Amino acid sequence: MKYIIGLSTLFLIILGFPSMVRSQSTNKFGIYGYLERAMLVEATLEMAAKLDTGADNSSLNATELEFFEREGKSWVRFQVEGDDGRDAIFEREVVRTVVIKNRTGANARRPVVLLRICVGSHSETVEANLADRSELSYPLLLGRSFLEQGFLVNSAAKFTTPLNCQTGDQSL
């Protein structure tokens, strides 16, 4: 009987080992709160961000959207306001357009652009759709496409990690 219990215990340990290793290897950047400080690296523009594991992609509050063509491709010029009240104007190629159902149930078309975003000391170029998020609590939502690089999110914690962004490399 002791032999069976010992063998069963060993079997459970061996079975659980790969998931323990995988869990440690995906925790590349540490544990973050569901709200953190973030920076749009190109403009060194800081803002509060919601780290949302339930969202596929990221979304940024952008105003004054102006679409134009450059070398036969669709581009957008837009304005973003940081938490300090400072504005920055960006010009980005539209990589695609998404259709998202808004709160009222209506479909809204949003341009998706590439942005370099930093949280903690990790900087990542990520697709973000541009939307009017002025009625929402946080101007930046970071979805799984950003978080899957190795972030773990503690939904009970807020603002756990100070910004430590390297602003020298602003390449997309």
Protein backbone atom coordinates (compact mmCIF):
# COMPACT_ATOMS: atom_id res chain seq x y z
CA MET A 1 0.00 0.00 0.00
CA LYS A 2 2.85 2.38 0.88
CA TYR A 3 4.42 1.49 -2.45
CA ILE A 4 1.24 2.50 -4.35
CA ILE A 5 0.92 5.79 -2.42
CA GLY A 6 4.59 6.58 -3.03
CA LEU A 7 4.32 5.71 -6.71
CA SER A 8 1.14 7.80 -7.05
CA THR A 9 2.83 10.78 -5.38
CA LEU A 10 5.86 10.47 -7.65
CA PHE A 11 3.58 10.23 -10.69
CA LEU A 12 1.72 13.42 -9.69
CA ILE A 13 5.01 15.28 -9.16
CA ILE A 14 6.32 14.21 -12.55
CA LEU A 15 3.00 15.11 -14.18
CA GLY A 16 3.00 18.60 -12.62
CA PHE A 17 6.68 19.40 -13.27
CA PRO A 18 6.30 20.60 -16.90
CA SER A 19 3.59 23.08 -15.93
CA MET A 20 5.75 24.43 -13.09
CA VAL A 21 8.66 24.94 -15.48
CA ARG A 22 6.40 26.51 -18.13
CA SER A 23 4.83 28.84 -15.54
CA GLN A 24 8.24 30.05 -14.38
CA SER A 25 9.52 30.59 -17.90
CA THR A 26 6.51 32.72 -18.92
CA ASN A 27 6.99 35.00 -15.92
CA LYS A 28 9.71 36.86 -17.81
CA PHE A 29 8.96 40.38 -16.61
CA GLY A 30 7.49 39.77 -13.16
CA ILE A 31 4.07 40.30 -11.69
CA TYR A 32 2.29 43.55 -12.49
CA GLY A 33 -0.89 45.14 -11.21
CA TYR A 34 -3.93 45.42 -13.44
CA LEU A 35 -3.17 49.15 -13.56
CA GLU A 36 0.36 50.33 -14.32
CA ARG A 37 2.21 53.38 -15.62
CA ALA A 38 3.05 53.13 -19.31
CA MET A 39 4.97 55.23 -21.79
CA LEU A 40 4.58 55.84 -25.51
CA VAL A 41 8.33 55.69 -26.09
CA GLU A 42 8.62 57.87 -29.20
CA ALA A 43 7.11 60.90 -27.44
CA THR A 44 8.13 59.95 -23.86
CA LEU A 45 4.44 60.40 -23.08
CA GLU A 46 3.34 58.75 -19.82
CA MET A 47 -0.13 57.57 -18.93
CA ALA A 48 -2.05 55.08 -16.83
CA ALA A 49 -2.69 51.77 -18.57
CA LYS A 50 -5.09 48.95 -17.82
CA LEU A 51 -3.48 45.53 -18.31
CA ASP A 52 -6.42 43.50 -19.56
CA THR A 53 -5.91 39.76 -20.01
CA GLY A 54 -9.45 39.53 -21.38
CA ALA A 55 -8.72 41.75 -24.38
CA ASP A 56 -6.98 40.36 -27.44
CA ASN A 57 -5.39 43.63 -28.53
CA SER A 58 -4.39 47.02 -27.22
CA SER A 59 -6.34 50.25 -27.58
CA LEU A 60 -5.24 53.88 -27.22
CA ASN A 61 -7.27 57.03 -26.65
CA ALA A 62 -6.54 59.16 -29.72
CA THR A 63 -8.15 62.36 -30.94
CA GLU A 64 -8.03 64.47 -34.09
CA LEU A 65 -7.72 61.44 -36.38
CA GLU A 66 -6.85 62.55 -39.91
CA PHE A 67 -6.43 59.94 -42.64
CA PHE A 68 -4.14 60.49 -45.62
CA GLU A 69 -2.14 58.58 -48.20
CA ARG A 70 1.63 58.35 -48.33
CA GLU A 71 3.35 56.41 -51.12
CA GLY A 72 0.09 54.65 -51.94
CA LYS A 73 -0.52 53.46 -48.37
CA SER A 74 -3.12 54.54 -45.83
CA TRP A 75 -1.76 56.59 -42.92
CA VAL A 76 -3.33 58.34 -39.95
CA ARG A 77 -2.27 61.43 -38.00
CA PHE A 78 -3.58 61.55 -34.44
CA GLN A 79 -3.10 63.30 -31.13
CA VAL A 80 -2.52 61.69 -27.74
CA GLU A 81 -2.54 63.41 -24.37
CA GLY A 82 -0.30 62.26 -21.53
CA ASP A 83 -1.26 62.33 -17.88
CA ASP A 84 0.77 65.53 -17.47
CA GLY A 85 -1.50 67.31 -20.00
CA ARG A 86 1.19 67.37 -22.69
CA ASP A 87 0.03 66.44 -26.20
CA ALA A 88 1.95 64.57 -28.88
CA ILE A 89 1.05 64.21 -32.53
CA PHE A 90 1.83 60.90 -34.22
CA GLU A 91 1.78 59.81 -37.85
CA ARG A 92 1.55 56.08 -38.47
CA GLU A 93 0.81 53.73 -41.30
CA VAL A 94 -2.52 51.97 -40.83
CA VAL A 95 -1.62 48.26 -40.68
CA ARG A 96 -5.27 47.17 -40.75
CA THR A 97 -8.74 48.25 -39.72
CA VAL A 98 -10.83 46.42 -37.14
CA VAL A 99 -14.56 46.45 -36.57
CA ILE A 100 -15.45 46.50 -32.89
CA LYS A 101 -18.88 46.47 -31.32
CA ASN A 102 -19.09 49.45 -28.96
CA ARG A 103 -21.09 49.81 -25.73
CA THR A 104 -24.29 50.72 -27.57
CA GLY A 105 -24.00 47.62 -29.76
CA ALA A 106 -23.12 49.57 -32.91
CA ASN A 107 -20.13 48.55 -35.01
CA ALA A 108 -17.21 50.97 -35.03
CA ARG A 109 -14.30 50.84 -37.48
CA ARG A 110 -10.93 51.58 -35.89
CA PRO A 111 -7.51 51.99 -37.47
CA VAL A 112 -4.73 49.81 -36.08
CA VAL A 113 -1.18 51.19 -35.92
CA LEU A 114 2.17 50.07 -34.52
CA LEU A 115 3.34 51.81 -31.34
CA ARG A 116 6.34 51.26 -29.08
CA ILE A 117 4.99 50.99 -25.54
CA CYS A 118 6.94 50.55 -22.32
CA VAL A 119 5.73 49.16 -18.98
CA GLY A 120 8.24 48.77 -16.17
CA SER A 121 11.52 48.33 -18.02
CA HIS A 122 10.05 46.32 -20.91
CA SER A 123 9.46 48.02 -24.25
CA GLU A 124 7.51 46.32 -27.02
CA THR A 125 6.22 47.33 -30.45
CA VAL A 126 2.58 46.36 -30.51
CA GLU A 127 -0.52 46.84 -32.64
CA ALA A 128 -3.00 49.23 -31.03
CA ASN A 129 -6.35 50.36 -32.31
CA LEU A 130 -7.11 54.06 -32.05
CA ALA A 131 -10.38 54.97 -30.37
CA ASP A 132 -12.13 57.68 -28.41
CA ARG A 133 -11.58 56.33 -24.90
CA SER A 134 -12.29 59.68 -23.23
CA GLU A 135 -15.34 58.26 -21.46
CA LEU A 136 -13.28 55.36 -20.08
CA SER A 137 -11.15 55.49 -16.94
CA TYR A 138 -7.80 54.72 -18.61
CA PRO A 139 -6.47 56.08 -21.90
CA LEU A 140 -4.48 52.94 -22.72
CA LEU A 141 -5.60 49.33 -22.61
CA LEU A 142 -2.90 46.70 -23.06
CA GLY A 143 -4.29 43.37 -24.21
CA ARG A 144 -2.83 39.91 -24.56
CA SER A 145 -0.87 40.79 -27.71
CA PHE A 146 1.34 42.94 -25.44
CA LEU A 147 1.11 40.87 -22.25
CA GLU A 148 1.90 37.49 -23.83
CA GLN A 149 5.57 38.47 -23.99
CA GLY A 150 5.88 37.37 -20.34
CA PHE A 151 3.73 39.54 -18.07
CA LEU A 152 1.75 38.09 -15.18
CA VAL A 153 -1.10 40.31 -13.97
CA ASN A 154 -2.31 40.44 -10.36
CA SER A 155 -5.90 41.69 -10.62
CA ALA A 156 -5.84 42.85 -6.98
CA ALA A 157 -2.77 45.09 -7.36
CA LYS A 158 -2.29 48.57 -8.84
CA PHE A 159 0.79 50.54 -9.88
CA THR A 160 3.33 48.04 -8.57
CA THR A 161 6.18 48.74 -11.00
CA PRO A 162 7.89 52.09 -11.64
CA LEU A 163 8.63 53.09 -15.23
CA ASN A 164 12.23 52.47 -16.21
CA CYS A 165 12.09 52.90 -19.98
CA GLN A 166 15.05 53.24 -22.29
CA THR A 167 14.00 56.08 -24.58
CA GLY A 168 17.03 55.89 -26.88
CA ASP A 169 15.74 53.04 -29.07
CA GLN A 170 12.50 54.30 -30.54
CA SER A 171 12.46 52.13 -33.63
CA LEU A 172 9.28 50.31 -34.50
